[in-house]
Full PDB file with SEQRES, HELIX, SHEET, SSBOND, CRYST1, ORIGX, SCALE, CONECT and MASTER records, all heavy atoms in Angstrom:
SEQRES   1 A   40  PRO GLY VAL ASN VAL PRO THR LEU LYS GLU GLN GLY ILE          
SEQRES   2 A   40  ASP VAL VAL ILE GLY ASN TRP ARG GLY VAL TYR GLY ALA          
SEQRES   3 A   40  PRO GLY LEU THR ALA PRO GLN ARG LYS ALA LEU THR ASP          
SEQRES   4 A   40  MET                                                          
HELIX    1 AA1 LYS A    9  GLN A   11  5                                   3    
HELIX    2 AA2 ALA A   31  ASP A   39  1                                   9    
CRYST1    1.000    1.000    1.000  90.00  90.00  90.00 P 1           1          
ORIGX1      1.000000  0.000000  0.000000        0.00000                         
ORIGX2      0.000000  1.000000  0.000000        0.00000                         
ORIGX3      0.000000  0.000000  1.000000        0.00000                         
SCALE1      1.000000  0.000000  0.000000        0.00000                         
SCALE2      0.000000  1.000000  0.000000        0.00000                         
SCALE3      0.000000  0.000000  1.000000        0.00000                         
ATOM      1  N   PRO A   1    -119.751   7.384 126.726  1.00  0.00           N  
ATOM      2  CA  PRO A   1    -120.628   7.897 127.656  1.00  0.00           C  
ATOM      3  C   PRO A   1    -121.751   8.693 127.267  1.00  0.00           C  
ATOM      4  O   PRO A   1    -121.606   9.611 126.354  1.00  0.00           O  
ATOM      5  CB  PRO A   1    -119.550   8.708 128.545  1.00  0.00           C  
ATOM      6  CG  PRO A   1    -118.243   8.180 128.181  1.00  0.00           C  
ATOM      7  CD  PRO A   1    -118.386   7.772 126.829  1.00  0.00           C  
ATOM      8  N   GLY A   2    -122.929   8.387 127.727  1.00  0.00           N  
ATOM      9  CA  GLY A   2    -124.081   9.097 127.366  1.00  0.00           C  
ATOM     10  C   GLY A   2    -124.641   8.876 125.970  1.00  0.00           C  
ATOM     11  O   GLY A   2    -125.522   9.579 125.503  1.00  0.00           O  
ATOM     12  N   VAL A   3    -124.039   7.993 125.203  1.00  0.00           N  
ATOM     13  CA  VAL A   3    -124.435   7.617 123.841  1.00  0.00           C  
ATOM     14  C   VAL A   3    -124.818   6.179 123.701  1.00  0.00           C  
ATOM     15  O   VAL A   3    -123.985   5.342 123.824  1.00  0.00           O  
ATOM     16  CB  VAL A   3    -123.317   7.908 122.817  1.00  0.00           C  
ATOM     17  CG1 VAL A   3    -123.745   7.622 121.367  1.00  0.00           C  
ATOM     18  CG2 VAL A   3    -122.874   9.392 122.940  1.00  0.00           C  
ATOM     19  N   ASN A   4    -126.117   5.931 123.573  1.00  0.00           N  
ATOM     20  CA  ASN A   4    -126.553   4.399 123.617  1.00  0.00           C  
ATOM     21  C   ASN A   4    -126.480   3.897 122.192  1.00  0.00           C  
ATOM     22  O   ASN A   4    -127.510   3.577 121.522  1.00  0.00           O  
ATOM     23  CB  ASN A   4    -127.984   4.431 124.111  1.00  0.00           C  
ATOM     24  CG  ASN A   4    -128.440   2.980 124.328  1.00  0.00           C  
ATOM     25  OD1 ASN A   4    -127.696   2.176 124.676  1.00  0.00           O  
ATOM     26  ND2 ASN A   4    -129.782   2.745 124.226  1.00  0.00           N  
ATOM     27  N   VAL A   5    -125.254   3.689 121.735  1.00  0.00           N  
ATOM     28  CA  VAL A   5    -125.021   3.053 120.450  1.00  0.00           C  
ATOM     29  C   VAL A   5    -124.073   1.938 120.577  1.00  0.00           C  
ATOM     30  O   VAL A   5    -122.948   2.165 121.179  1.00  0.00           O  
ATOM     31  CB  VAL A   5    -124.402   4.156 119.524  1.00  0.00           C  
ATOM     32  CG1 VAL A   5    -124.203   3.535 118.057  1.00  0.00           C  
ATOM     33  CG2 VAL A   5    -125.266   5.414 119.291  1.00  0.00           C  
ATOM     34  N   PRO A   6    -124.399   0.730 120.057  1.00  0.00           N  
ATOM     35  CA  PRO A   6    -123.632  -0.395 120.327  1.00  0.00           C  
ATOM     36  C   PRO A   6    -122.164  -0.279 119.540  1.00  0.00           C  
ATOM     37  O   PRO A   6    -122.189   0.253 118.485  1.00  0.00           O  
ATOM     38  CB  PRO A   6    -124.430  -1.540 119.830  1.00  0.00           C  
ATOM     39  CG  PRO A   6    -125.301  -1.006 118.774  1.00  0.00           C  
ATOM     40  CD  PRO A   6    -125.623   0.386 119.300  1.00  0.00           C  
ATOM     41  N   THR A   7    -121.170  -0.823 120.159  1.00  0.00           N  
ATOM     42  CA  THR A   7    -119.880  -0.795 119.446  1.00  0.00           C  
ATOM     43  C   THR A   7    -119.831  -1.906 118.467  1.00  0.00           C  
ATOM     44  O   THR A   7    -120.722  -2.833 118.435  1.00  0.00           O  
ATOM     45  CB  THR A   7    -118.748  -1.162 120.490  1.00  0.00           C  
ATOM     46  OG1 THR A   7    -118.897  -2.444 120.892  1.00  0.00           O  
ATOM     47  CG2 THR A   7    -118.735  -0.152 121.678  1.00  0.00           C  
ATOM     48  N   LEU A   8    -118.954  -1.756 117.410  1.00  0.00           N  
ATOM     49  CA  LEU A   8    -118.806  -2.820 116.434  1.00  0.00           C  
ATOM     50  C   LEU A   8    -118.440  -4.194 117.081  1.00  0.00           C  
ATOM     51  O   LEU A   8    -118.994  -5.224 116.752  1.00  0.00           O  
ATOM     52  CB  LEU A   8    -117.852  -2.349 115.424  1.00  0.00           C  
ATOM     53  CG  LEU A   8    -118.155  -1.144 114.522  1.00  0.00           C  
ATOM     54  CD1 LEU A   8    -117.123  -0.789 113.598  1.00  0.00           C  
ATOM     55  CD2 LEU A   8    -119.469  -1.442 113.742  1.00  0.00           C  
ATOM     56  N   LYS A   9    -117.529  -4.067 118.118  1.00  0.00           N  
ATOM     57  CA  LYS A   9    -117.016  -5.235 118.739  1.00  0.00           C  
ATOM     58  C   LYS A   9    -118.213  -6.096 119.387  1.00  0.00           C  
ATOM     59  O   LYS A   9    -118.180  -7.249 119.277  1.00  0.00           O  
ATOM     60  CB  LYS A   9    -116.010  -4.868 119.892  1.00  0.00           C  
ATOM     61  CG  LYS A   9    -114.609  -4.611 119.260  1.00  0.00           C  
ATOM     62  CD  LYS A   9    -113.564  -4.521 120.412  1.00  0.00           C  
ATOM     63  CE  LYS A   9    -113.174  -5.928 120.754  1.00  0.00           C  
ATOM     64  NZ  LYS A   9    -112.074  -5.946 121.749  1.00  0.00           N  
ATOM     65  N   GLU A  10    -119.144  -5.345 120.021  1.00  0.00           N  
ATOM     66  CA  GLU A  10    -120.174  -6.117 120.768  1.00  0.00           C  
ATOM     67  C   GLU A  10    -121.155  -6.662 119.772  1.00  0.00           C  
ATOM     68  O   GLU A  10    -122.001  -7.559 120.170  1.00  0.00           O  
ATOM     69  CB  GLU A  10    -120.881  -5.251 121.721  1.00  0.00           C  
ATOM     70  CG  GLU A  10    -121.734  -4.043 121.211  1.00  0.00           C  
ATOM     71  CD  GLU A  10    -122.401  -3.241 122.328  1.00  0.00           C  
ATOM     72  OE1 GLU A  10    -121.724  -2.319 122.683  1.00  0.00           O  
ATOM     73  OE2 GLU A  10    -123.551  -3.585 122.735  1.00  0.00           O  
ATOM     74  N   GLN A  11    -121.071  -6.333 118.513  1.00  0.00           N  
ATOM     75  CA  GLN A  11    -121.794  -6.828 117.404  1.00  0.00           C  
ATOM     76  C   GLN A  11    -121.076  -7.891 116.584  1.00  0.00           C  
ATOM     77  O   GLN A  11    -121.477  -8.366 115.535  1.00  0.00           O  
ATOM     78  CB  GLN A  11    -122.334  -5.723 116.423  1.00  0.00           C  
ATOM     79  CG  GLN A  11    -123.214  -4.563 117.137  1.00  0.00           C  
ATOM     80  CD  GLN A  11    -123.644  -3.582 116.132  1.00  0.00           C  
ATOM     81  OE1 GLN A  11    -124.552  -3.845 115.297  1.00  0.00           O  
ATOM     82  NE2 GLN A  11    -123.068  -2.423 116.292  1.00  0.00           N  
ATOM     83  N   GLY A  12    -119.885  -8.297 117.150  1.00  0.00           N  
ATOM     84  CA  GLY A  12    -119.209  -9.343 116.639  1.00  0.00           C  
ATOM     85  C   GLY A  12    -118.214  -9.049 115.470  1.00  0.00           C  
ATOM     86  O   GLY A  12    -117.661  -9.889 114.902  1.00  0.00           O  
ATOM     87  N   ILE A  13    -118.060  -7.760 115.349  1.00  0.00           N  
ATOM     88  CA  ILE A  13    -117.110  -7.219 114.333  1.00  0.00           C  
ATOM     89  C   ILE A  13    -115.994  -6.590 115.081  1.00  0.00           C  
ATOM     90  O   ILE A  13    -116.015  -5.489 115.619  1.00  0.00           O  
ATOM     91  CB  ILE A  13    -117.787  -6.109 113.401  1.00  0.00           C  
ATOM     92  CG1 ILE A  13    -118.973  -6.835 112.863  1.00  0.00           C  
ATOM     93  CG2 ILE A  13    -116.812  -5.780 112.298  1.00  0.00           C  
ATOM     94  CD1 ILE A  13    -119.926  -5.765 112.112  1.00  0.00           C  
ATOM     95  N   ASP A  14    -114.730  -7.225 115.016  1.00  0.00           N  
ATOM     96  CA  ASP A  14    -113.654  -6.817 115.796  1.00  0.00           C  
ATOM     97  C   ASP A  14    -112.860  -5.626 115.188  1.00  0.00           C  
ATOM     98  O   ASP A  14    -111.814  -5.741 114.598  1.00  0.00           O  
ATOM     99  CB  ASP A  14    -112.665  -7.933 115.977  1.00  0.00           C  
ATOM    100  CG  ASP A  14    -111.546  -7.651 116.955  1.00  0.00           C  
ATOM    101  OD1 ASP A  14    -111.703  -6.788 117.642  1.00  0.00           O  
ATOM    102  OD2 ASP A  14    -110.485  -8.345 116.940  1.00  0.00           O  
ATOM    103  N   VAL A  15    -113.487  -4.440 115.258  1.00  0.00           N  
ATOM    104  CA  VAL A  15    -112.913  -3.273 114.598  1.00  0.00           C  
ATOM    105  C   VAL A  15    -112.881  -2.080 115.680  1.00  0.00           C  
ATOM    106  O   VAL A  15    -114.076  -1.801 116.277  1.00  0.00           O  
ATOM    107  CB  VAL A  15    -113.719  -2.777 113.455  1.00  0.00           C  
ATOM    108  CG1 VAL A  15    -113.215  -1.390 113.026  1.00  0.00           C  
ATOM    109  CG2 VAL A  15    -113.492  -3.753 112.310  1.00  0.00           C  
ATOM    110  N   VAL A  16    -111.829  -1.589 116.075  1.00  0.00           N  
ATOM    111  CA  VAL A  16    -111.615  -0.405 116.945  1.00  0.00           C  
ATOM    112  C   VAL A  16    -110.680   0.493 116.343  1.00  0.00           C  
ATOM    113  O   VAL A  16    -109.466   0.193 116.055  1.00  0.00           O  
ATOM    114  CB  VAL A  16    -111.225  -0.909 118.380  1.00  0.00           C  
ATOM    115  CG1 VAL A  16    -110.932   0.357 119.254  1.00  0.00           C  
ATOM    116  CG2 VAL A  16    -112.118  -1.799 119.023  1.00  0.00           C  
ATOM    117  N   ILE A  17    -111.112   1.779 116.026  1.00  0.00           N  
ATOM    118  CA  ILE A  17    -110.150   2.680 115.512  1.00  0.00           C  
ATOM    119  C   ILE A  17    -110.657   4.101 115.932  1.00  0.00           C  
ATOM    120  O   ILE A  17    -111.856   4.428 115.971  1.00  0.00           O  
ATOM    121  CB  ILE A  17    -110.112   2.647 113.933  1.00  0.00           C  
ATOM    122  CG1 ILE A  17    -109.162   3.645 113.373  1.00  0.00           C  
ATOM    123  CG2 ILE A  17    -111.524   2.771 113.341  1.00  0.00           C  
ATOM    124  CD1 ILE A  17    -108.858   3.343 111.927  1.00  0.00           C  
ATOM    125  N   GLY A  18    -109.691   4.970 116.350  1.00  0.00           N  
ATOM    126  CA  GLY A  18    -109.946   6.324 116.798  1.00  0.00           C  
ATOM    127  C   GLY A  18    -109.521   7.278 115.765  1.00  0.00           C  
ATOM    128  O   GLY A  18    -108.651   7.070 114.972  1.00  0.00           O  
ATOM    129  N   ASN A  19    -110.113   8.540 115.877  1.00  0.00           N  
ATOM    130  CA  ASN A  19    -109.738   9.655 114.996  1.00  0.00           C  
ATOM    131  C   ASN A  19    -109.356  10.809 115.801  1.00  0.00           C  
ATOM    132  O   ASN A  19    -110.062  11.307 116.720  1.00  0.00           O  
ATOM    133  CB  ASN A  19    -110.999  10.104 114.225  1.00  0.00           C  
ATOM    134  CG  ASN A  19    -110.725  11.185 113.311  1.00  0.00           C  
ATOM    135  OD1 ASN A  19    -109.575  11.442 112.976  1.00  0.00           O  
ATOM    136  ND2 ASN A  19    -111.774  11.812 112.794  1.00  0.00           N  
ATOM    137  N   TRP A  20    -108.003  11.166 115.738  1.00  0.00           N  
ATOM    138  CA  TRP A  20    -107.559  12.237 116.625  1.00  0.00           C  
ATOM    139  C   TRP A  20    -107.273  13.513 115.762  1.00  0.00           C  
ATOM    140  O   TRP A  20    -107.169  13.382 114.511  1.00  0.00           O  
ATOM    141  CB  TRP A  20    -106.257  11.879 117.323  1.00  0.00           C  
ATOM    142  CG  TRP A  20    -105.220  11.447 116.319  1.00  0.00           C  
ATOM    143  CD1 TRP A  20    -104.906  10.238 115.897  1.00  0.00           C  
ATOM    144  CD2 TRP A  20    -104.142  12.299 115.661  1.00  0.00           C  
ATOM    145  NE1 TRP A  20    -103.822  10.231 114.969  1.00  0.00           N  
ATOM    146  CE2 TRP A  20    -103.361  11.512 114.881  1.00  0.00           C  
ATOM    147  CE3 TRP A  20    -103.907  13.658 115.721  1.00  0.00           C  
ATOM    148  CZ2 TRP A  20    -102.318  12.029 114.091  1.00  0.00           C  
ATOM    149  CZ3 TRP A  20    -102.839  14.174 115.034  1.00  0.00           C  
ATOM    150  CH2 TRP A  20    -102.024  13.318 114.303  1.00  0.00           C  
ATOM    151  N   ARG A  21    -107.325  14.624 116.409  1.00  0.00           N  
ATOM    152  CA  ARG A  21    -107.124  15.823 115.741  1.00  0.00           C  
ATOM    153  C   ARG A  21    -106.078  16.812 116.476  1.00  0.00           C  
ATOM    154  O   ARG A  21    -106.066  16.768 117.660  1.00  0.00           O  
ATOM    155  CB  ARG A  21    -108.396  16.759 115.402  1.00  0.00           C  
ATOM    156  CG  ARG A  21    -109.445  15.880 114.680  1.00  0.00           C  
ATOM    157  CD  ARG A  21    -110.671  16.818 114.375  1.00  0.00           C  
ATOM    158  NE  ARG A  21    -111.749  15.966 113.820  1.00  0.00           N  
ATOM    159  CZ  ARG A  21    -112.817  15.543 114.432  1.00  0.00           C  
ATOM    160  NH1 ARG A  21    -113.075  16.050 115.674  1.00  0.00           N  
ATOM    161  NH2 ARG A  21    -113.697  14.738 113.968  1.00  0.00           N  
ATOM    162  N   GLY A  22    -105.366  17.561 115.660  1.00  0.00           N  
ATOM    163  CA  GLY A  22    -104.384  18.447 116.367  1.00  0.00           C  
ATOM    164  C   GLY A  22    -104.108  19.616 115.493  1.00  0.00           C  
ATOM    165  O   GLY A  22    -104.872  19.934 114.577  1.00  0.00           O  
ATOM    166  N   VAL A  23    -102.999  20.400 115.811  1.00  0.00           N  
ATOM    167  CA  VAL A  23    -102.631  21.560 114.952  1.00  0.00           C  
ATOM    168  C   VAL A  23    -101.099  21.519 114.714  1.00  0.00           C  
ATOM    169  O   VAL A  23    -100.305  21.080 115.604  1.00  0.00           O  
ATOM    170  CB  VAL A  23    -102.966  22.908 115.804  1.00  0.00           C  
ATOM    171  CG1 VAL A  23    -104.573  23.157 115.559  1.00  0.00           C  
ATOM    172  CG2 VAL A  23    -102.568  22.867 117.142  1.00  0.00           C  
ATOM    173  N   TYR A  24    -100.734  22.110 113.549  1.00  0.00           N  
ATOM    174  CA  TYR A  24     -99.395  22.344 113.187  1.00  0.00           C  
ATOM    175  C   TYR A  24     -99.144  23.828 113.012  1.00  0.00           C  
ATOM    176  O   TYR A  24     -99.978  24.528 112.667  1.00  0.00           O  
ATOM    177  CB  TYR A  24     -99.013  21.565 111.875  1.00  0.00           C  
ATOM    178  CG  TYR A  24     -98.302  20.185 112.128  1.00  0.00           C  
ATOM    179  CD1 TYR A  24     -98.921  19.288 113.020  1.00  0.00           C  
ATOM    180  CD2 TYR A  24     -97.169  19.876 111.468  1.00  0.00           C  
ATOM    181  CE1 TYR A  24     -98.350  18.028 113.132  1.00  0.00           C  
ATOM    182  CE2 TYR A  24     -96.717  18.595 111.623  1.00  0.00           C  
ATOM    183  CZ  TYR A  24     -97.272  17.616 112.522  1.00  0.00           C  
ATOM    184  OH  TYR A  24     -96.651  16.370 112.681  1.00  0.00           O  
ATOM    185  N   GLY A  25     -97.870  24.199 113.165  1.00  0.00           N  
ATOM    186  CA  GLY A  25     -97.455  25.559 112.870  1.00  0.00           C  
ATOM    187  C   GLY A  25     -96.812  25.626 111.529  1.00  0.00           C  
ATOM    188  O   GLY A  25     -96.534  24.519 110.815  1.00  0.00           O  
ATOM    189  N   ALA A  26     -96.399  26.775 111.040  1.00  0.00           N  
ATOM    190  CA  ALA A  26     -95.857  27.023 109.651  1.00  0.00           C  
ATOM    191  C   ALA A  26     -94.527  26.405 109.574  1.00  0.00           C  
ATOM    192  O   ALA A  26     -93.814  26.067 110.684  1.00  0.00           O  
ATOM    193  CB  ALA A  26     -95.731  28.488 109.486  1.00  0.00           C  
ATOM    194  N   PRO A  27     -94.004  26.148 108.383  1.00  0.00           N  
ATOM    195  CA  PRO A  27     -92.617  25.773 108.140  1.00  0.00           C  
ATOM    196  C   PRO A  27     -91.575  26.736 108.705  1.00  0.00           C  
ATOM    197  O   PRO A  27     -91.938  27.959 108.692  1.00  0.00           O  
ATOM    198  CB  PRO A  27     -92.430  25.611 106.656  1.00  0.00           C  
ATOM    199  CG  PRO A  27     -93.932  25.426 106.162  1.00  0.00           C  
ATOM    200  CD  PRO A  27     -94.669  26.350 107.114  1.00  0.00           C  
ATOM    201  N   GLY A  28     -90.435  26.312 109.139  1.00  0.00           N  
ATOM    202  CA  GLY A  28     -89.359  27.223 109.497  1.00  0.00           C  
ATOM    203  C   GLY A  28     -89.479  27.958 110.673  1.00  0.00           C  
ATOM    204  O   GLY A  28     -88.676  28.856 111.023  1.00  0.00           O  
ATOM    205  N   LEU A  29     -90.319  27.417 111.673  1.00  0.00           N  
ATOM    206  CA  LEU A  29     -90.337  28.116 112.993  1.00  0.00           C  
ATOM    207  C   LEU A  29     -89.089  27.813 113.859  1.00  0.00           C  
ATOM    208  O   LEU A  29     -88.567  26.749 113.836  1.00  0.00           O  
ATOM    209  CB  LEU A  29     -91.600  27.749 113.759  1.00  0.00           C  
ATOM    210  CG  LEU A  29     -92.954  28.056 113.192  1.00  0.00           C  
ATOM    211  CD1 LEU A  29     -94.073  27.774 114.111  1.00  0.00           C  
ATOM    212  CD2 LEU A  29     -93.050  29.535 112.735  1.00  0.00           C  
ATOM    213  N   THR A  30     -88.634  28.756 114.601  1.00  0.00           N  
ATOM    214  CA  THR A  30     -87.541  28.539 115.488  1.00  0.00           C  
ATOM    215  C   THR A  30     -88.040  27.840 116.690  1.00  0.00           C  
ATOM    216  O   THR A  30     -89.292  27.766 116.917  1.00  0.00           O  
ATOM    217  CB  THR A  30     -86.922  29.925 115.902  1.00  0.00           C  
ATOM    218  OG1 THR A  30     -87.901  30.632 116.605  1.00  0.00           O  
ATOM    219  CG2 THR A  30     -86.385  30.790 114.752  1.00  0.00           C  
ATOM    220  N   ALA A  31     -87.118  27.341 117.516  1.00  0.00           N  
ATOM    221  CA  ALA A  31     -87.559  26.631 118.765  1.00  0.00           C  
ATOM    222  C   ALA A  31     -88.355  27.601 119.710  1.00  0.00           C  
ATOM    223  O   ALA A  31     -89.416  27.237 120.249  1.00  0.00           O  
ATOM    224  CB  ALA A  31     -86.394  26.115 119.492  1.00  0.00           C  
ATOM    225  N   PRO A  32     -87.930  28.865 119.974  1.00  0.00           N  
ATOM    226  CA  PRO A  32     -88.695  29.802 120.727  1.00  0.00           C  
ATOM    227  C   PRO A  32     -90.086  30.030 120.124  1.00  0.00           C  
ATOM    228  O   PRO A  32     -91.055  30.218 120.914  1.00  0.00           O  
ATOM    229  CB  PRO A  32     -87.860  31.054 120.858  1.00  0.00           C  
ATOM    230  CG  PRO A  32     -86.407  30.542 120.594  1.00  0.00           C  
ATOM    231  CD  PRO A  32     -86.594  29.447 119.617  1.00  0.00           C  
ATOM    232  N   GLN A  33     -90.157  30.156 118.724  1.00  0.00           N  
ATOM    233  CA  GLN A  33     -91.499  30.462 118.197  1.00  0.00           C  
ATOM    234  C   GLN A  33     -92.373  29.211 118.297  1.00  0.00           C  
ATOM    235  O   GLN A  33     -93.599  29.338 118.668  1.00  0.00           O  
ATOM    236  CB  GLN A  33     -91.218  30.742 116.709  1.00  0.00           C  
ATOM    237  CG  GLN A  33     -90.645  32.160 116.416  1.00  0.00           C  
ATOM    238  CD  GLN A  33     -90.412  32.295 114.874  1.00  0.00           C  
ATOM    239  OE1 GLN A  33     -90.022  31.400 114.184  1.00  0.00           O  
ATOM    240  NE2 GLN A  33     -90.574  33.577 114.477  1.00  0.00           N  
ATOM    241  N   ARG A  34     -91.913  28.042 118.175  1.00  0.00           N  
ATOM    242  CA  ARG A  34     -92.665  26.848 118.374  1.00  0.00           C  
ATOM    243  C   ARG A  34     -93.216  26.780 119.907  1.00  0.00           C  
ATOM    244  O   ARG A  34     -94.300  26.475 120.051  1.00  0.00           O  
ATOM    245  CB  ARG A  34     -91.850  25.561 118.043  1.00  0.00           C  
ATOM    246  CG  ARG A  34     -92.657  24.220 118.413  1.00  0.00           C  
ATOM    247  CD  ARG A  34     -91.888  23.040 117.955  1.00  0.00           C  
ATOM    248  NE  ARG A  34     -92.611  21.840 118.312  1.00  0.00           N  
ATOM    249  CZ  ARG A  34     -92.177  20.615 118.096  1.00  0.00           C  
ATOM    250  NH1 ARG A  34     -90.959  20.322 117.692  1.00  0.00           N  
ATOM    251  NH2 ARG A  34     -92.866  19.574 118.464  1.00  0.00           N  
ATOM    252  N   LYS A  35     -92.306  27.091 120.776  1.00  0.00           N  
ATOM    253  CA  LYS A  35     -92.767  27.156 122.128  1.00  0.00           C  
ATOM    254  C   LYS A  35     -93.833  28.129 122.439  1.00  0.00           C  
ATOM    255  O   LYS A  35     -94.859  27.761 123.169  1.00  0.00           O  
ATOM    256  CB  LYS A  35     -91.571  27.321 123.055  1.00  0.00           C  
ATOM    257  CG  LYS A  35     -91.890  27.238 124.658  1.00  0.00           C  
ATOM    258  CD  LYS A  35     -90.700  27.540 125.463  1.00  0.00           C  
ATOM    259  CE  LYS A  35     -91.090  27.194 127.023  1.00  0.00           C  
ATOM    260  NZ  LYS A  35     -92.228  28.127 127.306  1.00  0.00           N  
ATOM    261  N   ALA A  36     -93.675  29.257 121.892  1.00  0.00           N  
ATOM    262  CA  ALA A  36     -94.592  30.292 122.120  1.00  0.00           C  
ATOM    263  C   ALA A  36     -96.014  29.953 121.585  1.00  0.00           C  
ATOM    264  O   ALA A  36     -97.112  30.146 122.181  1.00  0.00           O  
ATOM    265  CB  ALA A  36     -94.205  31.546 121.485  1.00  0.00           C  
ATOM    266  N   LEU A  37     -96.072  29.321 120.380  1.00  0.00           N  
ATOM    267  CA  LEU A  37     -97.309  28.914 119.727  1.00  0.00           C  
ATOM    268  C   LEU A  37     -97.877  27.715 120.566  1.00  0.00           C  
ATOM    269  O   LEU A  37     -99.132  27.669 120.715  1.00  0.00           O  
ATOM    270  CB  LEU A  37     -96.971  28.504 118.280  1.00  0.00           C  
ATOM    271  CG  LEU A  37     -98.170  28.392 117.335  1.00  0.00           C  
ATOM    272  CD1 LEU A  37     -98.875  29.647 117.298  1.00  0.00           C  
ATOM    273  CD2 LEU A  37     -97.667  28.174 115.910  1.00  0.00           C  
ATOM    274  N   THR A  38     -97.019  26.880 121.016  1.00  0.00           N  
ATOM    275  CA  THR A  38     -97.502  25.800 121.865  1.00  0.00           C  
ATOM    276  C   THR A  38     -98.113  26.267 123.075  1.00  0.00           C  
ATOM    277  O   THR A  38     -99.201  25.746 123.595  1.00  0.00           O  
ATOM    278  CB  THR A  38     -96.342  24.740 122.147  1.00  0.00           C  
ATOM    279  OG1 THR A  38     -95.784  24.226 120.964  1.00  0.00           O  
ATOM    280  CG2 THR A  38     -96.914  23.589 122.992  1.00  0.00           C  
ATOM    281  N   ASP A  39     -97.531  27.227 123.814  1.00  0.00           N  
ATOM    282  CA  ASP A  39     -98.015  27.817 124.961  1.00  0.00           C  
ATOM    283  C   ASP A  39     -99.383  28.436 124.760  1.00  0.00           C  
ATOM    284  O   ASP A  39    -100.244  28.398 125.528  1.00  0.00           O  
ATOM    285  CB  ASP A  39     -97.028  28.862 125.542  1.00  0.00           C  
ATOM    286  CG  ASP A  39     -95.815  28.182 126.116  1.00  0.00           C  
ATOM    287  OD1 ASP A  39     -95.796  26.917 126.272  1.00  0.00           O  
ATOM    288  OD2 ASP A  39     -94.718  28.909 126.380  1.00  0.00           O  
ATOM    289  N   MET A  40     -99.493  29.040 123.463  1.00  0.00           N  
ATOM    290  CA  MET A  40    -100.845  29.712 123.225  1.00  0.00           C  
ATOM    291  C   MET A  40    -101.907  28.690 123.150  1.00  0.00           C  
ATOM    292  O   MET A  40    -102.966  28.882 123.740  1.00  0.00           O  
ATOM    293  CB  MET A  40    -100.731  30.442 121.881  1.00  0.00           C  
ATOM    294  CG  MET A  40    -100.020  31.847 121.893  1.00  0.00           C  
ATOM    295  SD  MET A  40     -99.766  32.383 120.202  1.00  0.00           S  
ATOM    296  CE  MET A  40    -101.401  32.235 119.486  1.00  0.00           C  
TER     297      MET A  40                                                      
MASTER        0    0    0    2    0    0    0    6  296    1    0    4          
END                                                                             
């Protein structure tokens, strides 16, 4: 949306791939600690 750039597919190259990002917490967190961090 709002970006006038052709897709690879419409140029005859059948490539579709997305890049997602997220966050992890430290090793050893308890379930309540994980929930608190998730809620934040």
